[in-house]
Amino acid sequence: MSDWLVLVIAMAAACAVVLTITLFSNRRIDPENDDPSDTPDVIEYMTMMIGVVYAIVLGLAIAGVWEGRGAAQADVQQEAQALHEISQRVQVYPAEVRDRTRADVEAYASYVVHTEWSHMAKHGDLTDESAQKLEQIRRDVTDYHPANDFEAQAYQPLIDQVGAVDAARTARGQGAGATMPGVVWFGLIIGALVTVGLIFTLQIRRTWRELLLAGLFSALIAFLLFLIWDFDAPFGRGISATAGPFLDLFPGIG
C-alpha cells in the first residue's frame, strides 16, 4: 500500500470518527435545557493549554526526525564522495591496480544502490556482502606498495578515503532503522487522542462551520503524525534519503 494512500485513509478516518461522535452526541442533547455558551472557563483554559503543549511536542518530534533524515542524506553524500575520491586518486597507480580498484569501487556502489538500499528499507540494517566489498577495496589500496615518491604521496590519502567510506557506511547503518523510541510514539498517540477528545468538551454543534473546523483539526493531527512516521525511517518510506549521490558520481551503475 502506498504511503500517500495510508495518509489519505488516516486523515479520512480521523475526520469520520470526530464527525460521527459529534453528530451522535448532538442527538442526545435536550435543546430546551442546553446552553452552548455554558462551558466553564477552566475547561476552555485547560483545552487551550493542552493543545499548546501538544503542539510543542509535535514540533519537537518533527524537528528531530527531519534532522535524522538530513543526517542520513549527508552520510550517503559523504560515502559516495569518498568512493569517488578513491576512484580518482588511484589514477597515479599502474593500470592493473587502477582498473581493479575502480572496478571494485563501482561494484560496491552498484551493490549499495541496487541491493543494500532495499535491504535497509525492509530490515533497518546493512548486509555482510557490502562489508566484504568494502574490505576488497581496502585490500586493493593497502596491498599495493608504491613504486616511487609520486605514488607514495597518493597512498596515505587513499587510505584516509577508505576510512571515510567505512565511517560513512557505519553511520548509514546506524540511521537505517526507526529512530523514534516506542515510548515517544505512545506519548504522541495518547496526546493526539486527548487533544482531539477535548474539543468535545467545548459543546460543538452541528453547524457546518463547527463540523468543518473539527474535521480539519483532526485531519491535521493525523497528517502531522503521519509526517513523523514517514520521516522516522530515513531510508525506508516515502520521503526518505535517496541514493542520488551514488548515481550522480557513478553514472555507469544506473
Protein backbone atom coordinates (compact mmCIF):
# COMPACT_ATOMS: atom_id res chain seq x y z
CA MET A 1 0.00 0.00 0.00
CA SER A 2 1.33 3.44 -0.93
CA ASP A 3 2.37 5.75 1.91
CA TRP A 4 0.21 8.50 0.45
CA LEU A 5 -2.80 6.17 0.41
CA VAL A 6 -2.14 5.44 4.08
CA LEU A 7 -2.11 9.18 4.75
CA VAL A 8 -5.42 9.73 2.96
CA ILE A 9 -7.05 6.83 4.81
CA ALA A 10 -5.72 8.04 8.19
CA MET A 11 -6.94 11.60 7.64
CA ALA A 12 -10.33 10.44 6.38
CA ALA A 13 -10.70 8.05 9.31
CA ALA A 14 -9.82 10.78 11.82
CA CYS A 15 -12.39 13.13 10.28
CA ALA A 16 -15.05 10.41 10.15
CA VAL A 17 -14.59 9.44 13.80
CA VAL A 18 -14.74 13.02 15.06
CA LEU A 19 -17.74 13.97 12.93
CA THR A 20 -19.60 10.77 13.79
CA ILE A 21 -19.11 11.29 17.52
CA THR A 22 -20.20 14.92 17.18
CA LEU A 23 -23.36 14.07 15.29
CA PHE A 24 -24.37 11.25 17.65
CA SER A 25 -23.65 13.30 20.77
CA ASN A 26 -25.82 16.14 19.47
CA ARG A 27 -28.78 13.78 19.10
CA ARG A 28 -28.68 13.13 22.84
CA ILE A 29 -28.79 16.82 23.76
CA ASP A 30 -32.05 18.28 25.01
CA PRO A 31 -32.45 21.58 23.13
CA GLU A 32 -34.62 23.09 25.84
CA ASN A 33 -32.09 22.58 28.64
CA ASP A 34 -28.91 23.10 26.65
CA ASP A 35 -26.92 26.32 26.69
CA PRO A 36 -24.00 26.27 24.16
CA SER A 37 -22.28 29.13 25.98
CA ASP A 38 -22.31 27.30 29.30
CA THR A 39 -18.75 25.99 29.11
CA PRO A 40 -16.69 26.53 32.29
CA ASP A 41 -13.73 28.86 31.81
CA VAL A 42 -11.39 26.30 33.35
CA ILE A 43 -12.27 23.78 30.62
CA GLU A 44 -11.53 26.31 27.89
CA TYR A 45 -8.24 27.20 29.58
CA MET A 46 -7.17 23.57 30.01
CA THR A 47 -8.14 22.73 26.43
CA MET A 48 -6.04 25.61 25.16
CA MET A 49 -3.01 24.72 27.32
CA ILE A 50 -3.09 21.04 26.42
CA GLY A 51 -3.31 21.97 22.74
CA VAL A 52 -0.30 24.30 23.07
CA VAL A 53 1.77 21.70 24.93
CA TYR A 54 0.93 19.01 22.39
CA ALA A 55 1.77 21.36 19.51
CA ILE A 56 5.22 21.93 21.04
CA VAL A 57 5.75 18.18 21.43
CA LEU A 58 4.71 17.59 17.81
CA GLY A 59 7.06 20.33 16.62
CA LEU A 60 10.00 18.84 18.53
CA ALA A 61 9.24 15.37 17.17
CA ILE A 62 9.05 16.63 13.58
CA ALA A 63 12.28 18.59 14.00
CA GLY A 64 14.02 15.51 15.42
CA VAL A 65 13.03 13.12 12.65
CA TRP A 66 13.74 15.74 9.98
CA GLU A 67 17.23 16.24 11.40
CA GLY A 68 17.73 12.47 11.35
CA ARG A 69 16.73 12.32 7.68
CA GLY A 70 19.13 15.17 6.86
CA ALA A 71 21.97 13.42 8.68
CA ALA A 72 21.22 10.18 6.79
CA GLN A 73 21.38 12.01 3.45
CA ALA A 74 24.65 13.65 4.49
CA ASP A 75 26.13 10.24 5.33
CA VAL A 76 25.17 8.97 1.87
CA GLN A 77 26.78 12.02 0.26
CA GLN A 78 29.96 11.56 2.27
CA GLU A 79 30.19 7.85 1.41
CA ALA A 80 29.66 8.43 -2.31
CA GLN A 81 32.13 11.32 -2.37
CA ALA A 82 34.83 9.30 -0.61
CA LEU A 83 34.34 6.44 -3.09
CA HIS A 84 34.65 8.92 -5.96
CA GLU A 85 37.88 10.26 -4.48
CA ILE A 86 39.32 6.76 -4.33
CA SER A 87 38.37 6.19 -7.95
CA GLN A 88 40.07 9.44 -8.99
CA ARG A 89 43.17 9.37 -6.79
CA VAL A 90 44.08 5.83 -7.88
CA GLN A 91 44.87 7.32 -11.29
CA VAL A 92 48.57 7.52 -10.36
CA TYR A 93 48.83 3.76 -9.83
CA PRO A 94 49.70 1.25 -12.58
CA ALA A 95 46.89 0.37 -14.98
CA GLU A 96 46.32 -3.09 -13.49
CA VAL A 97 45.90 -1.78 -9.93
CA ARG A 98 43.93 1.26 -11.09
CA ASP A 99 41.43 -0.73 -13.14
CA ARG A 100 40.93 -3.36 -10.44
CA THR A 101 40.34 -0.74 -7.75
CA ARG A 102 37.91 1.24 -9.89
CA ALA A 103 36.01 -1.92 -10.78
CA ASP A 104 35.68 -2.83 -7.10
CA VAL A 105 34.59 0.70 -6.23
CA GLU A 106 31.85 0.62 -8.87
CA ALA A 107 30.81 -2.86 -7.77
CA TYR A 108 30.42 -1.62 -4.21
CA ALA A 109 28.44 1.47 -5.29
CA SER A 110 26.20 -0.61 -7.55
CA TYR A 111 25.52 -3.12 -4.79
CA VAL A 112 24.60 -0.36 -2.31
CA VAL A 113 22.17 1.27 -4.75
CA HIS A 114 20.52 -1.80 -6.24
CA THR A 115 20.59 -4.32 -3.40
CA GLU A 116 21.52 -2.95 0.00
CA TRP A 117 19.19 0.04 -0.27
CA SER A 118 16.08 -2.15 -0.39
CA HIS A 119 17.51 -4.34 2.37
CA MET A 120 17.89 -1.28 4.62
CA ALA A 121 14.31 -0.26 3.90
CA LYS A 122 12.95 -3.68 4.86
CA HIS A 123 15.25 -4.73 7.71
CA GLY A 124 16.81 -1.49 9.01
CA ASP A 125 20.42 -2.69 8.85
CA LEU A 126 23.32 -3.34 6.46
CA THR A 127 24.39 -6.54 4.74
CA ASP A 128 27.54 -8.57 5.22
CA GLU A 129 28.19 -8.55 1.48
CA SER A 130 28.66 -4.80 1.37
CA ALA A 131 31.21 -5.13 4.19
CA GLN A 132 33.06 -7.73 2.13
CA LYS A 133 33.06 -5.50 -0.93
CA LEU A 134 34.41 -2.60 1.12
CA GLU A 135 37.11 -4.87 2.52
CA GLN A 136 38.10 -5.76 -1.05
CA ILE A 137 38.54 -2.05 -1.82
CA ARG A 138 40.66 -1.69 1.31
CA ARG A 139 42.89 -4.57 0.21
CA ASP A 140 43.22 -3.09 -3.27
CA VAL A 141 44.58 0.09 -1.73
CA THR A 142 46.67 -1.24 1.13
CA ASP A 143 48.22 -4.28 -0.57
CA TYR A 144 49.91 -2.23 -3.26
CA HIS A 145 53.39 -0.96 -2.43
CA PRO A 146 54.15 2.40 -4.08
CA ALA A 147 56.96 2.14 -6.60
CA ASN A 148 58.06 5.80 -6.44
CA ASP A 149 57.59 9.01 -4.47
CA PHE A 150 54.73 10.15 -6.70
CA GLU A 151 52.71 7.03 -5.91
CA ALA A 152 53.73 7.22 -2.25
CA GLN A 153 52.21 10.70 -1.97
CA ALA A 154 48.84 9.30 -3.07
CA TYR A 155 48.98 6.27 -0.78
CA GLN A 156 48.03 7.86 2.55
CA PRO A 157 45.18 10.00 1.12
CA LEU A 158 43.73 6.83 -0.41
CA ILE A 159 43.89 5.08 2.96
CA ASP A 160 42.11 8.07 4.51
CA GLN A 161 39.36 7.95 1.91
CA VAL A 162 38.79 4.24 2.55
CA GLY A 163 38.42 5.09 6.24
CA ALA A 164 35.95 7.84 5.33
CA VAL A 165 33.86 5.34 3.33
CA ASP A 166 33.88 2.93 6.25
CA ALA A 167 32.84 5.63 8.73
CA ALA A 168 30.05 6.90 6.45
CA ARG A 169 28.81 3.35 5.85
CA THR A 170 28.68 2.72 9.61
CA ALA A 171 26.73 5.95 10.13
CA ARG A 172 24.36 4.96 7.32
CA GLY A 173 23.73 1.64 9.03
CA GLN A 174 23.07 3.30 12.39
CA GLY A 175 20.46 5.55 10.79
CA ALA A 176 18.81 2.86 8.68
CA GLY A 177 16.18 1.86 11.21
CA ALA A 178 13.48 3.80 13.01
CA THR A 179 14.87 6.46 15.33
CA MET A 180 11.78 7.36 17.39
CA PRO A 181 11.55 5.36 20.66
CA GLY A 182 8.35 3.47 21.34
CA VAL A 183 7.61 5.47 24.49
CA VAL A 184 7.63 8.67 22.41
CA TRP A 185 5.13 7.16 19.98
CA PHE A 186 2.96 6.20 22.94
CA GLY A 187 3.01 9.79 24.16
CA LEU A 188 2.28 11.20 20.69
CA ILE A 189 -0.71 8.90 20.10
CA ILE A 190 -2.19 9.36 23.59
CA GLY A 191 -1.64 13.11 23.28
CA ALA A 192 -3.45 13.13 19.93
CA LEU A 193 -6.42 11.26 21.42
CA VAL A 194 -6.58 13.60 24.42
CA THR A 195 -6.22 16.75 22.30
CA VAL A 196 -8.88 15.71 19.80
CA GLY A 197 -11.12 14.39 22.56
CA LEU A 198 -11.04 17.66 24.45
CA ILE A 199 -12.71 19.52 21.61
CA PHE A 200 -15.92 17.70 22.54
CA THR A 201 -15.90 19.49 25.90
CA LEU A 202 -16.49 22.78 24.07
CA GLN A 203 -20.02 21.76 23.07
CA ILE A 204 -19.61 21.54 19.29
CA ARG A 205 -22.85 21.93 17.39
CA ARG A 206 -23.96 20.55 14.04
CA THR A 207 -23.39 23.78 12.11
CA TRP A 208 -21.24 23.33 9.04
CA ARG A 209 -18.56 25.70 10.33
CA GLU A 210 -18.06 23.83 13.58
CA LEU A 211 -18.10 20.45 11.87
CA LEU A 212 -15.63 21.68 9.25
CA LEU A 213 -13.21 23.00 11.86
CA ALA A 214 -13.46 19.83 13.94
CA GLY A 215 -12.80 17.68 10.87
CA LEU A 216 -9.86 19.82 9.70
CA PHE A 217 -8.34 19.80 13.18
CA SER A 218 -8.46 16.01 13.45
CA ALA A 219 -7.13 15.65 9.89
CA LEU A 220 -4.23 17.98 10.73
CA ILE A 221 -3.28 15.87 13.76
CA ALA A 222 -3.40 12.72 11.60
CA PHE A 223 -1.23 14.39 8.95
CA LEU A 224 1.42 15.51 11.44
CA LEU A 225 1.61 12.04 12.99
CA PHE A 226 1.95 10.55 9.51
CA LEU A 227 4.74 13.02 8.75
CA ILE A 228 6.65 11.94 11.86
CA TRP A 229 6.12 8.26 10.99
CA ASP A 230 7.30 8.81 7.41
CA PHE A 231 10.47 10.68 8.42
CA ASP A 232 11.21 8.21 11.23
CA ALA A 233 12.80 5.68 8.83
CA PRO A 234 15.26 7.74 6.74
CA PHE A 235 15.76 5.01 4.13
CA GLY A 236 12.50 3.12 4.27
CA ARG A 237 9.49 5.29 3.46
CA GLY A 238 8.15 7.82 1.00
CA ILE A 239 10.04 10.99 1.99
CA SER A 240 13.37 9.29 2.55
CA ALA A 241 17.06 9.77 1.84
CA THR A 242 17.97 8.92 -1.73
CA ALA A 243 20.82 7.18 -3.48
CA GLY A 244 21.21 10.20 -5.76
CA PRO A 245 24.85 10.95 -4.76
CA PHE A 246 25.94 7.45 -5.85
CA LEU A 247 24.11 7.76 -9.17
CA ASP A 248 25.49 11.27 -9.77
CA LEU A 249 29.13 10.33 -9.12
CA PHE A 250 28.92 6.87 -10.70
CA PRO A 251 26.53 7.23 -13.67
CA GLY A 252 27.62 3.85 -15.03
CA ILE A 253 25.78 1.97 -12.25
CA GLY A 254 22.38 3.47 -13.09
